[in-house]
Protein backbone atom coordinates (compact mmCIF):
# COMPACT_ATOMS: atom_id res chain seq x y z
CA MET A 1 17.61 -11.44 -37.86
CA THR A 2 20.12 -10.13 -35.37
CA THR A 3 19.80 -6.56 -36.57
CA ALA A 4 16.02 -6.61 -36.40
CA LYS A 5 16.06 -8.02 -32.90
CA THR A 6 18.48 -5.36 -31.70
CA ALA A 7 16.50 -2.58 -33.28
CA SER A 8 13.18 -3.64 -31.86
CA SER A 9 14.61 -3.99 -28.38
CA SER A 10 15.68 -0.35 -28.42
CA LEU A 11 12.12 0.97 -28.75
CA VAL A 12 11.14 1.78 -25.18
CA SER A 13 8.02 -0.03 -24.01
CA ASN A 14 8.86 0.32 -20.31
CA PRO A 15 10.49 3.23 -18.46
CA VAL A 16 14.30 3.30 -18.64
CA TYR A 17 14.77 4.43 -15.05
CA PRO A 18 18.59 4.77 -15.09
CA ILE A 19 18.30 7.33 -17.89
CA ILE A 20 15.27 9.04 -16.31
CA PHE A 21 17.06 9.49 -12.98
CA ALA A 22 20.35 10.43 -14.67
CA ILE A 23 18.78 13.25 -16.71
CA SER A 24 16.87 14.36 -13.61
CA GLY A 25 20.15 14.41 -11.67
CA VAL A 26 21.79 16.58 -14.30
CA HIS A 27 18.71 18.82 -14.29
CA LEU A 28 19.41 19.29 -10.57
CA LEU A 29 23.04 20.17 -11.31
CA ASN A 30 22.08 22.55 -14.13
CA ASP A 31 19.50 24.43 -12.10
CA SER A 32 21.74 24.57 -9.05
CA LEU A 33 24.19 26.51 -11.25
CA GLN A 34 21.40 28.93 -12.14
CA SER A 35 20.46 29.11 -8.46
CA VAL A 36 23.85 30.58 -7.64
CA ILE A 37 22.76 33.83 -9.33
CA PRO A 38 19.71 34.76 -7.19
CA ALA A 39 21.53 33.28 -4.20
CA MET A 40 24.23 35.88 -4.79
CA PHE A 41 21.78 38.82 -4.70
CA PRO A 42 22.16 39.63 -0.98
CA VAL A 43 25.96 39.48 -1.36
CA LEU A 44 25.97 41.71 -4.44
CA GLU A 45 23.51 44.16 -2.87
CA LYS A 46 25.68 44.45 0.23
CA ASP A 47 29.22 44.27 -1.18
CA LEU A 48 28.83 46.04 -4.54
CA GLY A 49 26.00 48.34 -3.53
CA LEU A 50 23.76 47.24 -6.41
CA THR A 51 20.20 48.53 -6.50
CA PHE A 52 17.18 46.23 -6.63
CA THR A 53 16.71 47.31 -10.25
CA GLN A 54 20.26 46.20 -11.09
CA LEU A 55 19.65 42.87 -9.38
CA GLY A 56 16.47 42.51 -11.41
CA LEU A 57 18.43 43.15 -14.60
CA ILE A 58 20.87 40.37 -13.69
CA ALA A 59 17.93 37.97 -13.33
CA PHE A 60 16.52 39.37 -16.59
CA ALA A 61 19.78 38.71 -18.45
CA LEU A 62 19.84 35.11 -17.25
CA ASN A 63 16.22 34.20 -17.70
CA MET A 64 15.42 36.11 -20.87
CA VAL A 65 18.26 34.44 -22.79
CA ALA A 66 17.07 31.04 -21.57
CA SER A 67 13.46 31.93 -22.36
CA VAL A 68 13.96 33.24 -25.89
CA LEU A 69 16.25 30.45 -27.02
CA GLN A 70 14.52 27.43 -25.45
CA PRO A 71 11.64 27.28 -27.97
CA VAL A 72 14.17 27.88 -30.78
CA VAL A 73 16.36 25.01 -29.57
CA GLY A 74 13.25 22.84 -29.15
CA TYR A 75 12.07 23.62 -32.69
CA PHE A 76 15.38 22.68 -34.30
CA SER A 77 15.62 19.64 -32.03
CA ASP A 78 12.25 18.45 -33.37
CA LEU A 79 13.65 18.79 -36.92
CA LYS A 80 17.00 17.18 -36.14
CA PRO A 81 17.84 16.01 -32.61
CA ARG A 82 21.43 16.68 -31.58
CA PRO A 83 22.38 14.45 -28.62
CA TYR A 84 25.77 16.03 -27.92
CA SER A 85 24.30 19.50 -27.62
CA LEU A 86 23.57 18.49 -24.00
CA PRO A 87 27.22 18.46 -22.79
CA PHE A 88 27.94 21.48 -25.02
CA GLY A 89 25.26 23.48 -23.18
CA MET A 90 26.71 22.49 -19.81
CA THR A 91 30.16 23.57 -21.04
CA LEU A 92 28.78 27.06 -21.72
CA SER A 93 27.43 27.13 -18.16
CA PHE A 94 30.90 26.09 -16.90
CA PHE A 95 32.51 29.13 -18.52
CA GLY A 96 29.68 31.38 -17.33
CA MET A 97 30.16 30.20 -13.75
CA ALA A 98 33.90 30.87 -13.97
CA GLY A 99 33.18 34.42 -15.08
CA LEU A 100 30.56 34.94 -12.38
CA ALA A 101 32.96 33.91 -9.63
CA PHE A 102 35.71 36.31 -10.65
CA ALA A 103 33.92 39.19 -12.42
CA PRO A 104 35.04 42.49 -10.81
CA GLU A 105 32.45 44.69 -12.52
CA TYR A 106 28.70 44.75 -13.03
CA TRP A 107 28.79 44.40 -16.83
CA MET A 108 31.02 41.33 -16.57
CA ILE A 109 28.49 39.71 -14.24
CA LEU A 110 25.82 40.32 -16.88
CA VAL A 111 27.96 38.67 -19.59
CA SER A 112 28.63 35.68 -17.34
CA VAL A 113 24.97 35.06 -16.57
CA ILE A 114 24.19 35.25 -20.31
CA PHE A 115 26.54 32.28 -20.83
CA ILE A 116 24.71 30.39 -18.07
CA GLY A 117 21.40 31.30 -19.71
CA LEU A 118 22.64 29.95 -23.06
CA GLY A 119 23.63 26.69 -21.42
CA SER A 120 20.23 26.40 -19.79
CA ALA A 121 18.41 27.15 -23.07
CA ILE A 122 20.23 24.29 -24.77
CA PHE A 123 19.84 21.83 -21.90
CA HIS A 124 16.13 22.05 -21.07
CA PRO A 125 14.40 21.11 -24.36
CA GLU A 126 16.87 18.32 -25.08
CA GLY A 127 16.67 17.10 -21.49
CA SER A 128 12.88 16.97 -21.74
CA ARG A 129 13.20 14.98 -24.97
CA VAL A 130 15.47 12.44 -23.26
CA SER A 131 12.88 12.15 -20.47
CA PHE A 132 10.19 11.52 -23.10
CA MET A 133 12.26 8.91 -24.95
CA ALA A 134 12.99 7.00 -21.73
CA ALA A 135 9.45 7.25 -20.31
CA GLY A 136 7.70 4.31 -21.91
CA PRO A 137 4.02 4.54 -20.85
CA LYS A 138 4.83 6.63 -17.75
CA ARG A 139 4.85 10.10 -19.28
CA GLY A 140 3.59 11.96 -16.23
CA LEU A 141 5.90 10.14 -13.82
CA SER A 142 8.95 10.55 -16.07
CA GLN A 143 8.35 14.26 -16.61
CA SER A 144 7.82 14.75 -12.87
CA ILE A 145 11.10 13.00 -12.04
CA TYR A 146 12.85 15.14 -14.62
CA GLN A 147 11.31 18.41 -13.42
CA VAL A 148 11.75 17.64 -9.73
CA GLY A 149 15.48 17.47 -10.38
CA GLY A 150 15.41 21.03 -11.65
CA ASN A 151 13.19 22.28 -8.86
CA THR A 152 15.45 20.65 -6.29
CA GLY A 153 18.39 22.47 -7.86
CA GLN A 154 16.45 25.72 -7.60
CA ALA A 155 15.59 24.92 -3.98
CA LEU A 156 19.28 24.87 -3.15
CA ALA A 157 19.60 28.62 -3.85
CA PRO A 158 18.89 29.76 -0.27
CA LEU A 159 21.30 27.16 1.15
CA ILE A 160 23.94 28.21 -1.36
CA SER A 161 23.49 31.80 -0.23
CA ALA A 162 23.45 31.06 3.50
CA PHE A 163 26.30 28.56 3.72
CA ILE A 164 28.58 29.31 0.74
CA LEU A 165 28.17 32.80 -0.70
CA VAL A 166 27.58 34.76 2.52
CA PRO A 167 30.70 33.27 4.22
CA LEU A 168 32.93 33.11 1.10
CA GLY A 169 31.58 36.00 -0.97
CA GLN A 170 31.44 36.14 -4.74
CA LYS A 171 34.44 33.85 -5.23
CA GLY A 172 32.53 31.05 -3.50
CA ALA A 173 30.74 30.55 -6.82
CA ALA A 174 33.95 28.95 -8.11
CA LEU A 175 33.06 25.80 -6.15
CA PHE A 176 30.27 25.22 -8.66
CA LEU A 177 32.76 24.67 -11.45
CA LEU A 178 33.00 21.15 -10.01
CA VAL A 179 29.21 20.82 -10.33
CA ALA A 180 29.35 21.84 -13.99
CA ALA A 181 32.21 19.42 -14.68
CA LEU A 182 30.21 16.55 -13.15
CA GLY A 183 27.22 17.50 -15.29
CA ILE A 184 29.33 17.44 -18.47
CA TYR A 185 30.60 13.94 -17.62
CA ILE A 186 27.12 12.49 -16.97
CA LEU A 187 25.68 14.16 -20.07
CA MET A 188 28.33 12.55 -22.25
CA LYS A 189 27.00 9.16 -21.08
CA ILE A 190 23.37 10.17 -21.59
CA SER A 191 24.13 11.56 -25.05
CA ALA A 192 25.62 8.22 -26.11
CA TRP A 193 22.35 6.48 -25.14
CA TYR A 194 20.33 9.22 -26.84
CA LYS A 195 22.34 8.85 -30.06
CA GLU A 196 21.91 5.07 -30.01
CA GLN A 197 18.13 5.42 -29.67
CA LEU A 198 17.99 7.80 -32.63
CA GLU A 199 20.08 5.46 -34.78
CA GLN A 200 17.89 2.47 -33.98
CA GLU A 201 14.71 4.42 -34.65
CA LYS A 202 16.16 5.42 -38.01
CA LEU A 203 16.99 1.78 -38.71
CA LEU A 204 13.33 0.85 -38.26
CA ASN A 205 12.18 4.02 -40.06
CA ARG A 206 10.03 4.89 -37.05
CA LYS A 207 9.66 8.01 -34.99
CA ARG A 208 8.46 8.48 -31.43
CA VAL A 209 5.37 10.61 -31.11
CA LEU A 210 3.08 11.34 -28.23
CA LEU A 211 -0.27 9.61 -27.85
CA SER A 212 -2.36 12.60 -26.80
CA SER A 213 -5.22 12.55 -24.33
CA MET A 214 -6.74 15.56 -26.10
CA ALA A 215 -9.46 14.63 -28.56
CA ASN A 216 -11.01 16.49 -31.49
CA LEU A 217 -9.68 19.98 -30.82
CA THR A 218 -9.64 22.50 -33.66
CA LYS A 219 -6.59 24.66 -34.36
CA LYS A 220 -8.45 27.62 -32.85
CA GLN A 221 -9.22 25.67 -29.66
CA ILE A 222 -5.58 24.57 -29.41
CA GLY A 223 -4.43 28.17 -29.86
CA ILE A 224 -6.80 29.42 -27.14
CA ALA A 225 -5.74 26.61 -24.80
CA LEU A 226 -2.07 27.47 -25.32
CA GLY A 227 -2.84 31.12 -24.62
CA LEU A 228 -4.57 30.23 -21.36
CA LEU A 229 -1.70 27.93 -20.40
CA LEU A 230 0.82 30.71 -21.03
CA MET A 231 -1.18 33.08 -18.81
CA ILE A 232 -1.10 30.46 -16.04
CA ILE A 233 2.67 30.14 -16.44
CA PHE A 234 2.95 33.95 -16.40
CA SER A 235 1.26 34.33 -13.02
CA ARG A 236 3.02 31.35 -11.46
CA SER A 237 6.49 32.30 -12.71
CA ILE A 238 6.44 35.90 -11.53
CA TYR A 239 5.03 34.91 -8.14
CA VAL A 240 7.71 32.24 -7.64
CA THR A 241 10.43 34.63 -8.83
CA ASN A 242 9.32 37.13 -6.20
CA ILE A 243 9.56 34.55 -3.43
CA THR A 244 12.87 33.07 -4.52
CA SER A 245 14.75 36.26 -5.41
CA PHE A 246 13.21 39.13 -3.43
CA TYR A 247 11.10 37.85 -0.54
CA VAL A 248 14.20 37.47 1.62
CA PHE A 249 14.47 41.29 1.70
CA HIS A 250 10.91 41.44 3.06
CA LEU A 251 11.80 38.89 5.75
CA ILE A 252 14.82 40.97 6.73
CA GLU A 253 12.91 44.27 6.78
CA ALA A 254 9.57 43.18 8.29
CA TYR A 255 10.69 40.46 10.69
CA GLY A 256 14.29 41.43 11.47
CA LEU A 257 15.77 38.15 10.22
CA THR A 258 19.39 37.70 9.15
CA ILE A 259 20.16 36.78 5.55
CA GLN A 260 20.90 33.19 6.58
CA LYS A 261 17.64 32.70 8.50
CA GLY A 262 15.62 34.37 5.75
CA GLN A 263 17.19 32.11 3.12
CA LEU A 264 16.36 29.02 5.15
CA ILE A 265 12.67 29.99 5.05
CA ILE A 266 12.90 30.44 1.27
CA PHE A 267 14.49 26.99 1.12
CA LEU A 268 11.40 25.51 2.78
CA PHE A 269 9.21 27.08 0.09
CA LEU A 270 11.37 25.65 -2.69
CA ALA A 271 11.85 22.24 -1.07
CA VAL A 272 8.13 21.59 -0.68
CA GLY A 273 7.71 22.97 -4.21
CA ALA A 274 10.01 20.21 -5.44
CA VAL A 275 7.87 17.67 -3.57
CA GLY A 276 4.76 19.12 -5.19
CA THR A 277 6.39 18.86 -8.63
CA PHE A 278 7.13 15.18 -8.04
CA PHE A 279 3.57 14.29 -7.02
CA GLY A 280 1.95 16.42 -9.73
CA GLY A 281 2.82 14.15 -12.66
CA PRO A 282 1.65 10.80 -11.23
CA LEU A 283 -1.45 12.52 -9.84
CA ALA A 284 -2.22 13.91 -13.30
CA ASP A 285 -1.81 10.44 -14.83
CA LYS A 286 -4.62 9.26 -12.51
CA MET A 287 -7.03 12.19 -12.27
CA GLY A 288 -6.32 14.16 -15.46
CA ARG A 289 -3.98 17.00 -16.39
CA LYS A 290 -6.56 19.80 -16.19
CA ASN A 291 -7.80 18.70 -12.76
CA VAL A 292 -4.29 18.93 -11.31
CA ILE A 293 -3.65 22.29 -13.00
CA VAL A 294 -6.89 23.72 -11.57
CA LEU A 295 -6.13 22.35 -8.09
CA SER A 296 -2.67 23.92 -8.26
CA LEU A 297 -4.18 27.28 -9.18
CA LEU A 298 -7.12 27.54 -6.78
CA VAL A 299 -5.55 26.54 -3.46
CA PRO A 300 -2.73 29.16 -3.38
CA ILE A 301 -5.03 32.16 -4.03
CA PRO A 302 -6.34 32.77 -0.46
CA LEU A 303 -2.99 31.74 1.04
CA ALA A 304 -1.06 34.25 -1.09
CA LEU A 305 -3.52 37.03 -0.26
CA LEU A 306 -2.99 36.41 3.47
CA LEU A 307 0.80 36.15 3.32
CA PRO A 308 1.75 39.87 3.62
CA TYR A 309 -0.32 40.36 6.78
CA VAL A 310 0.50 37.42 9.07
CA PRO A 311 3.16 36.97 11.81
CA LEU A 312 6.35 35.02 11.11
CA PRO A 313 5.15 31.55 12.29
CA ALA A 314 2.15 31.82 9.99
CA VAL A 315 4.43 33.00 7.15
CA ILE A 316 6.34 29.73 7.37
CA VAL A 317 3.16 27.63 7.28
CA LEU A 318 1.68 29.60 4.38
CA LEU A 319 4.88 29.44 2.33
CA ILE A 320 5.01 25.66 2.78
CA LEU A 321 1.42 25.25 1.57
CA ILE A 322 1.80 27.72 -1.29
CA GLY A 323 5.06 26.13 -2.41
CA PHE A 324 3.56 22.63 -2.55
CA PHE A 325 0.38 23.52 -4.41
CA ILE A 326 1.67 26.18 -6.79
CA MET A 327 4.38 23.80 -8.08
CA LEU A 328 2.04 20.80 -8.27
CA SER A 329 1.29 21.67 -11.89
CA PHE A 330 4.84 22.54 -13.00
CA SER A 331 5.54 19.32 -14.89
CA VAL A 332 1.85 18.89 -15.74
CA THR A 333 1.71 22.11 -17.77
CA VAL A 334 4.64 20.83 -19.87
CA VAL A 335 2.88 17.52 -20.61
CA TYR A 336 -0.44 19.30 -21.22
CA ALA A 337 1.20 21.57 -23.83
CA GLN A 338 2.92 18.61 -25.47
CA GLU A 339 -0.41 16.79 -25.75
CA LEU A 340 -2.02 19.86 -27.30
CA VAL A 341 0.64 19.74 -30.05
CA PRO A 342 1.91 16.12 -29.92
CA SER A 343 4.08 16.44 -33.03
CA LYS A 344 6.26 19.13 -31.39
CA ILE A 345 7.62 17.60 -28.20
CA GLY A 346 10.79 19.71 -28.01
CA THR A 347 9.11 22.92 -29.13
CA MET A 348 6.35 22.66 -26.51
CA ALA A 349 8.84 21.81 -23.76
CA GLY A 350 10.98 24.76 -24.80
CA LEU A 351 7.96 27.06 -24.98
CA THR A 352 6.48 26.20 -21.58
CA VAL A 353 9.68 25.85 -19.56
CA GLY A 354 11.35 28.67 -21.49
CA LEU A 355 8.37 30.92 -20.86
CA SER A 356 8.74 30.23 -17.14
CA PHE A 357 12.25 31.67 -17.33
CA GLY A 358 11.14 34.55 -19.53
CA MET A 359 8.23 35.58 -17.34
CA GLY A 360 10.50 35.29 -14.34
CA ALA A 361 12.97 37.57 -16.10
CA ILE A 362 10.40 40.24 -16.85
CA GLY A 363 8.94 39.86 -13.38
CA ALA A 364 12.36 40.25 -11.74
CA VAL A 365 12.90 43.62 -13.42
CA ALA A 366 9.38 44.81 -12.60
CA ILE A 367 9.66 43.69 -8.97
CA GLY A 368 13.06 45.36 -8.60
CA ILE A 369 11.72 48.65 -9.97
CA LEU A 370 8.65 48.48 -7.71
CA MET A 371 10.77 47.82 -4.63
CA ASP A 372 13.04 50.77 -5.44
CA HIS A 373 10.09 53.14 -5.98
CA ILE A 374 7.27 52.10 -3.62
CA GLY A 375 9.10 49.98 -1.04
CA ILE A 376 9.42 46.31 -0.26
CA TYR A 377 6.20 45.80 1.70
CA GLN A 378 3.91 47.49 -0.82
CA THR A 379 5.49 45.40 -3.57
CA MET A 380 4.74 42.21 -1.64
CA ILE A 381 1.07 43.22 -1.38
CA ILE A 382 0.82 43.79 -5.14
CA ILE A 383 2.51 40.47 -5.96
CA SER A 384 0.09 38.63 -3.64
CA LEU A 385 -2.65 39.34 -6.21
CA LEU A 386 -0.92 37.47 -9.05
CA PRO A 387 -2.25 33.95 -8.35
CA ILE A 388 -5.78 35.25 -9.07
CA LEU A 389 -4.84 35.30 -12.77
CA GLY A 390 -4.59 31.52 -12.61
CA LEU A 391 -8.39 31.29 -12.56
CA VAL A 392 -8.25 31.26 -16.37
CA GLY A 393 -7.27 27.61 -16.00
CA LEU A 394 -10.93 26.79 -15.44
CA ALA A 395 -11.47 27.41 -19.18
CA LEU A 396 -8.84 24.89 -20.33
CA PRO A 397 -10.12 21.96 -22.43
CA ARG A 398 -10.59 18.83 -20.35
CA ASP A 399 -8.28 15.93 -21.17
CA GLN A 400 -9.25 12.29 -21.06
CA LYS A 401 -7.93 10.27 -18.12
CA MET A 402 -5.52 8.16 -20.06
CA THR A 403 -1.81 7.57 -19.94
CA SER A 404 0.18 9.12 -22.73
CA GLU A 405 2.88 6.93 -24.13
CA PRO A 406 5.37 6.83 -26.97
CA ILE A 407 4.12 5.07 -30.03
CA GLN A 408 5.89 4.46 -33.31
CA LYS A 409 4.74 5.53 -36.71
């Protein structure tokens, strides 16, 4: 009797908010470590004389490793979850950050960011699974809280650049070893809860699956929908990568701003993007996933097209609006993909979030090459066209307005 009571109480029927906020907090720490890398670009460009192409290759090394391995980690996690892979991934990031802070040569920087990419690839699918397990009936809200942690960490990049790396130089990255150590400690606690949940599910011979809001889709329709979703992620990721990693050079060249002032404007873009990410999930729970995705795609198009041609005050306003709306669907696309293939929670999380990194990686190299060959301003004009690709979202299958929740089988 006692065993049965304990086991049944472990199956989450209501959100476990301490775990949800804890994994979101570590997501913030993890992505703030990644943010150190683009935040270091102005320092590396100035102090080491790196070209924009070389900077793009650094971003490529980070994001491509994270992109390629995330779906792989998610796939094996679906087969056999490994709770303590979470602190192991953060440990890899710890060593990568140590190398980044003290690497004297370009190739050593590349090796260091690969370690950070490996850590990220391990963390994200498993972190998304923890968010799912702790969500209860609040799938959209839980995923938004989880993703907003990561986006907040990314939003710190300009502040890291302006207030730590510009004054302290490359060695300022060593301060983030403390961030990685804190993440390892918290993840050890989360992993213990994660392991307990898996053991109790096994005791009841039940498995958490997702109750999908997609109905009666054929395999072909699911494949097409995933293809459209990946195209949406492609356009969004490269556009956001341009703003976060390279737009500061446009602000310096076109408007005469210092690195610090330019990075503060980028921070506004990322900060309101984090706010948009938070509101996207609950909004999708109420009005449907597709509706939020379409809203997130349509609004930024005219704003992005105007951005290269307006004066600085208008730039700030446009970046705030673009940041909010373009990130409104960030967590929603993850949930939408998971509901398309509800038996593969980790794989879909790894595919969608990993693809964001991968597309950002490819985009970073392409943007760097364009800036070296045709100039910064012309590159900004070309990138302003990218959000138009998001119009393919109009062809996505419509989901039912229902709350997805974990059920046991």
